[in-house]
Amino acid sequence: MRIGKQDQPFSAICTSDAEQIRVRGLDLCTQIIGKMDFTSYFWLLVTGTAPTPTQKFFADAVLAAIAEHGLVPSVVATRMTYAAAPEAFHGAVAAGLLGCGSVVLGSAEVAGRFLAGIVADGGDPVPAIRALRAEKKPIPGFGHPQHSGGDPRANLLLALAAEHGIEGPHIAALRRIEAALPEIVNRPLPINVNGAIPAVMLDVGFPLAALKGISLLARTASLIGHLQEESERPIGFILSGHAAAAIEYDGL
C-alpha cells in the first residue's frame, strides 16, 4: 500500500562507504571533526551550508538563551522520570522533550510562523492580532508570567541584533506588534524570548520549518545537566510529592 508521495527517494545529508563518511558534501574526518564547532555543524546539518560568522554568533546566542530557565515543566518531567526509572537516562531526556509544545519551550516555532505570516501579508500585524483576540488566543512571542517588566533574554538578543546590523523584516514585524498591542489589548506586553528567537533567527537566514529544533537542541543540553545533578542530588521524588500534596481530590 502506497501512503503519501514516494517519487523522491533521495537524501542529501549523509552517506558512507568502507573508507569515508560524508556529511552534507564534506568528509566527516578531514573537514568536520576537529575543524568545525558543534553550532556550525548543527547549522550545516539543517541548512546544507556552513554558517557565516554572524549566523554562528546568533545561533550560539539563542541556544544559550533558551537552554535553561529553572524547574520548568520539561525539567520536572525529566527529573521525575529519572527518579522512577534511573536506568532510562534516554527516556528521561525524551520525557522532557516531549513536553516541547505551543505553550512552553516550543512556542518559538508558533511565534515564528506568526511573524512569517505577517511578513508575507505585507507587514501590518493588526489584522492578525485582532484575529487572535477574537478567538481569545494569546499573542505568540509576547508576555511572560515572571518577566512581566521585560524578558532580559529577549531584550539582549534584540539589542545584539541591532548592534550587529541584522534587523530585518521579522524583527520589524515583532516591533510593530509590540507597538500595536497597547491599543488592541489595552496594555503593553513585553517581547519574550520565544518572540525574539524566531525574529532573530529568521532574519539571519535560519529556516522556519526547523525553528523548533533550536529549542529542542538547547533544552537537551540542559536536561542532561539536570539528570547529572539528579544522579547526585535527587529531587525527583520531592517534586512528585509536592505535586501530590498540592492537588486535592474532589471526585465522588
Protein backbone atom coordinates (compact mmCIF):
# COMPACT_ATOMS: atom_id res chain seq x y z
CA MET A 1 0.00 0.00 0.00
CA ARG A 2 1.41 3.38 -1.00
CA ILE A 3 0.99 6.17 1.55
CA GLY A 4 2.00 9.71 0.63
CA LYS A 5 4.45 10.81 -2.04
CA GLN A 6 7.07 8.24 -2.97
CA ASP A 7 8.68 9.79 -6.04
CA GLN A 8 11.80 11.35 -4.45
CA PRO A 9 13.87 8.57 -2.82
CA PHE A 10 16.88 10.77 -2.03
CA SER A 11 18.71 12.29 0.94
CA ALA A 12 21.50 14.87 0.78
CA ILE A 13 22.58 14.68 4.43
CA CYS A 14 24.89 11.70 4.86
CA THR A 15 26.40 8.71 3.09
CA SER A 16 29.27 6.37 3.87
CA ASP A 17 31.37 3.55 2.50
CA ALA A 18 34.21 1.42 3.85
CA GLU A 19 36.70 4.32 3.78
CA GLN A 20 34.73 7.52 4.20
CA ILE A 21 31.73 9.22 5.82
CA ARG A 22 30.38 12.27 4.00
CA VAL A 23 28.02 14.75 5.66
CA ARG A 24 26.42 17.47 3.55
CA GLY A 25 29.17 17.01 0.96
CA LEU A 26 32.04 17.25 3.44
CA ASP A 27 34.34 14.49 4.64
CA LEU A 28 33.49 13.95 8.30
CA CYS A 29 37.00 13.04 9.40
CA THR A 30 39.08 15.50 7.36
CA GLN A 31 36.74 18.50 7.11
CA ILE A 32 34.45 18.45 10.15
CA ILE A 33 35.88 16.65 13.20
CA GLY A 34 38.37 18.97 14.85
CA LYS A 35 37.73 21.63 12.22
CA MET A 36 34.12 22.71 12.84
CA ASP A 37 32.47 23.65 16.14
CA PHE A 38 29.19 21.95 17.02
CA THR A 39 26.95 25.00 16.44
CA SER A 40 28.32 25.33 12.92
CA TYR A 41 27.87 21.61 12.40
CA PHE A 42 24.25 21.88 13.55
CA TRP A 43 23.67 24.72 11.07
CA LEU A 44 25.33 22.68 8.31
CA LEU A 45 23.18 19.63 9.06
CA VAL A 46 19.97 21.67 8.99
CA THR A 47 20.64 24.00 6.05
CA GLY A 48 23.26 22.25 3.94
CA THR A 49 25.73 25.13 4.20
CA ALA A 50 28.13 26.29 6.90
CA PRO A 51 27.00 29.43 8.73
CA THR A 52 28.54 32.83 8.27
CA PRO A 53 30.25 34.26 11.36
CA THR A 54 27.13 36.33 12.05
CA GLN A 55 24.82 33.34 11.69
CA LYS A 56 27.01 31.29 14.03
CA PHE A 57 27.10 34.13 16.56
CA PHE A 58 23.31 34.34 16.74
CA ALA A 59 22.82 30.58 16.72
CA ASP A 60 25.14 30.40 19.73
CA ALA A 61 23.30 33.28 21.40
CA VAL A 62 19.81 31.84 21.04
CA LEU A 63 20.88 28.34 22.06
CA ALA A 64 22.33 29.77 25.26
CA ALA A 65 19.24 31.94 25.80
CA ILE A 66 16.69 29.12 25.72
CA ALA A 67 18.63 26.20 27.22
CA GLU A 68 17.86 26.78 30.89
CA HIS A 69 15.20 28.51 32.98
CA GLY A 70 14.93 26.51 36.19
CA LEU A 71 12.37 23.87 37.14
CA VAL A 72 10.11 24.35 34.14
CA PRO A 73 7.74 21.52 33.07
CA SER A 74 10.25 19.83 30.75
CA VAL A 75 12.84 19.69 33.53
CA VAL A 76 10.34 18.47 36.12
CA ALA A 77 9.17 15.71 33.78
CA THR A 78 12.76 14.65 33.13
CA ARG A 79 13.84 14.57 36.78
CA MET A 80 10.70 12.76 37.92
CA THR A 81 11.10 10.18 35.14
CA TYR A 82 14.71 9.58 36.08
CA ALA A 83 13.74 9.17 39.75
CA ALA A 84 11.26 6.48 38.74
CA ALA A 85 13.49 4.84 36.12
CA PRO A 86 17.18 5.60 36.77
CA GLU A 87 18.19 3.00 34.19
CA ALA A 88 16.44 5.02 31.45
CA PHE A 89 18.59 8.14 31.05
CA HIS A 90 17.48 8.46 27.44
CA GLY A 91 13.84 8.00 28.44
CA ALA A 92 14.14 10.81 30.97
CA VAL A 93 15.56 13.16 28.33
CA ALA A 94 12.78 12.13 25.97
CA ALA A 95 10.16 12.77 28.64
CA GLY A 96 11.29 16.38 28.90
CA LEU A 97 11.48 16.93 25.15
CA LEU A 98 8.00 15.51 24.59
CA GLY A 99 6.65 18.49 26.52
CA CYS A 100 8.08 20.95 24.00
CA GLY A 101 4.83 22.46 22.76
CA SER A 102 2.90 25.58 21.88
CA VAL A 103 2.78 26.93 25.46
CA VAL A 104 6.24 26.15 26.85
CA LEU A 105 9.57 25.80 25.03
CA GLY A 106 8.17 25.07 21.56
CA SER A 107 6.41 28.41 21.39
CA ALA A 108 9.30 29.93 19.40
CA GLU A 109 8.05 27.95 16.42
CA VAL A 110 4.50 29.27 16.91
CA ALA A 111 5.79 32.84 17.16
CA GLY A 112 7.99 32.31 14.12
CA ARG A 113 5.09 31.20 11.98
CA PHE A 114 3.06 34.14 13.26
CA LEU A 115 5.83 36.58 12.31
CA ALA A 116 6.41 34.93 8.96
CA GLY A 117 2.70 35.19 8.17
CA ILE A 118 2.67 38.90 8.98
CA VAL A 119 5.72 39.49 6.80
CA ALA A 120 4.16 37.52 3.94
CA ASP A 121 0.94 39.56 4.23
CA GLY A 122 2.75 42.87 3.89
CA GLY A 123 3.88 43.62 7.42
CA ASP A 124 0.73 45.02 9.06
CA PRO A 125 0.19 42.99 12.26
CA VAL A 126 -3.16 44.46 13.28
CA PRO A 127 -5.46 42.05 11.37
CA ALA A 128 -3.53 39.04 12.68
CA ILE A 129 -3.60 40.35 16.26
CA ARG A 130 -7.33 41.06 16.08
CA ALA A 131 -7.97 37.59 14.68
CA LEU A 132 -6.18 36.02 17.65
CA ARG A 133 -8.04 38.24 20.09
CA ALA A 134 -11.37 37.29 18.54
CA GLU A 135 -10.52 33.65 19.25
CA LYS A 136 -9.25 34.50 22.75
CA LYS A 137 -5.79 33.22 21.87
CA PRO A 138 -2.52 34.64 23.25
CA ILE A 139 -0.20 36.72 21.10
CA PRO A 140 2.77 34.47 20.23
CA GLY A 141 6.06 35.80 21.48
CA PHE A 142 4.61 38.28 23.99
CA GLY A 143 4.08 38.29 27.73
CA HIS A 144 5.79 36.31 30.48
CA PRO A 145 4.48 35.20 33.89
CA GLN A 146 7.74 36.07 35.63
CA HIS A 147 9.42 38.70 33.46
CA SER A 148 6.40 40.99 33.23
CA GLY A 149 8.62 44.05 33.09
CA GLY A 150 10.54 42.69 30.12
CA ASP A 151 12.29 39.42 29.37
CA PRO A 152 16.02 40.12 29.81
CA ARG A 153 16.94 37.39 27.31
CA ALA A 154 14.74 38.88 24.62
CA ASN A 155 15.98 42.38 25.33
CA LEU A 156 19.59 41.27 24.97
CA LEU A 157 19.02 39.27 21.77
CA LEU A 158 17.27 42.20 20.13
CA ALA A 159 19.98 44.61 21.30
CA LEU A 160 22.61 42.31 19.78
CA ALA A 161 20.62 42.19 16.54
CA ALA A 162 20.67 45.98 16.37
CA GLU A 163 24.36 46.09 17.28
CA HIS A 164 25.26 43.61 14.54
CA GLY A 165 23.01 45.21 11.93
CA ILE A 166 20.91 42.16 11.18
CA GLU A 167 17.46 43.62 11.90
CA GLY A 168 15.24 42.53 9.04
CA PRO A 169 11.54 42.08 8.26
CA HIS A 170 10.83 39.66 11.10
CA ILE A 171 12.30 41.86 13.83
CA ALA A 172 10.45 44.78 12.23
CA ALA A 173 7.21 42.78 12.41
CA LEU A 174 7.92 41.97 16.07
CA ARG A 175 8.38 45.66 16.85
CA ARG A 176 5.18 46.58 15.00
CA ILE A 177 3.26 44.01 17.04
CA GLU A 178 4.77 45.45 20.22
CA ALA A 179 3.66 48.95 19.21
CA ALA A 180 0.14 47.84 18.26
CA LEU A 181 -0.64 45.79 21.35
CA PRO A 182 -1.46 48.58 23.86
CA GLU A 183 -4.32 49.85 21.71
CA ILE A 184 -5.68 46.41 20.86
CA VAL A 185 -5.30 44.60 24.20
CA ASN A 186 -5.43 47.74 26.36
CA ARG A 187 -2.00 47.20 27.88
CA PRO A 188 1.60 46.74 26.77
CA LEU A 189 3.05 43.24 26.64
CA PRO A 190 6.80 42.59 26.71
CA ILE A 191 8.51 40.62 23.98
CA ASN A 192 9.54 37.28 25.44
CA VAL A 193 12.47 35.10 24.48
CA ASN A 194 10.26 32.96 22.25
CA GLY A 195 9.39 36.08 20.27
CA ALA A 196 12.97 37.29 19.98
CA ILE A 197 14.46 33.93 18.99
CA PRO A 198 12.46 33.38 15.79
CA ALA A 199 12.67 37.04 14.79
CA VAL A 200 16.45 36.98 15.06
CA MET A 201 16.95 33.53 13.56
CA LEU A 202 14.65 34.13 10.60
CA ASP A 203 16.37 37.42 9.87
CA VAL A 204 19.79 35.73 9.77
CA GLY A 205 18.51 33.03 7.41
CA PHE A 206 17.57 30.03 9.56
CA PRO A 207 14.69 28.00 8.04
CA LEU A 208 11.23 28.46 9.51
CA ALA A 209 10.44 24.73 9.44
CA ALA A 210 13.40 23.95 11.71
CA LEU A 211 12.78 26.62 14.37
CA LYS A 212 11.56 24.13 16.97
CA GLY A 213 14.90 22.38 16.62
CA ILE A 214 16.60 25.35 18.29
CA SER A 215 14.63 24.80 21.49
CA LEU A 216 14.98 21.02 21.33
CA LEU A 217 18.74 21.12 20.90
CA ALA A 218 19.27 23.72 23.59
CA ARG A 219 16.98 22.10 26.15
CA THR A 220 18.58 18.69 25.57
CA ALA A 221 21.83 20.11 26.91
CA SER A 222 20.02 21.48 29.95
CA LEU A 223 18.18 18.22 30.63
CA ILE A 224 21.44 16.30 30.59
CA GLY A 225 22.77 18.74 33.18
CA HIS A 226 19.68 18.25 35.35
CA LEU A 227 19.99 14.48 35.09
CA GLN A 228 23.61 14.60 36.18
CA GLU A 229 22.54 16.64 39.21
CA GLU A 230 19.58 14.30 39.81
CA SER A 231 22.01 11.37 39.99
CA GLU A 232 23.94 13.11 42.78
CA ARG A 233 21.32 15.32 44.47
CA PRO A 234 17.93 13.72 43.73
CA ILE A 235 14.81 15.87 43.90
CA GLY A 236 12.56 13.94 41.51
CA PHE A 237 10.52 12.33 44.30
CA ILE A 238 10.37 15.64 46.16
CA LEU A 239 8.82 17.19 43.05
CA SER A 240 6.39 14.29 42.80
CA GLY A 241 5.46 14.53 46.46
CA HIS A 242 4.83 18.26 46.31
CA ALA A 243 2.66 17.77 43.23
CA ALA A 244 0.52 15.23 45.06
CA ALA A 245 0.28 17.47 48.13
CA ALA A 246 -0.78 20.49 46.09
CA ILE A 247 -3.78 18.81 44.48
CA GLU A 248 -6.95 17.93 46.38
CA TYR A 249 -9.28 15.14 45.32
CA ASP A 250 -12.77 16.43 44.52
CA GLY A 251 -14.32 13.40 42.85
CA LEU A 252 -17.08 11.16 44.19
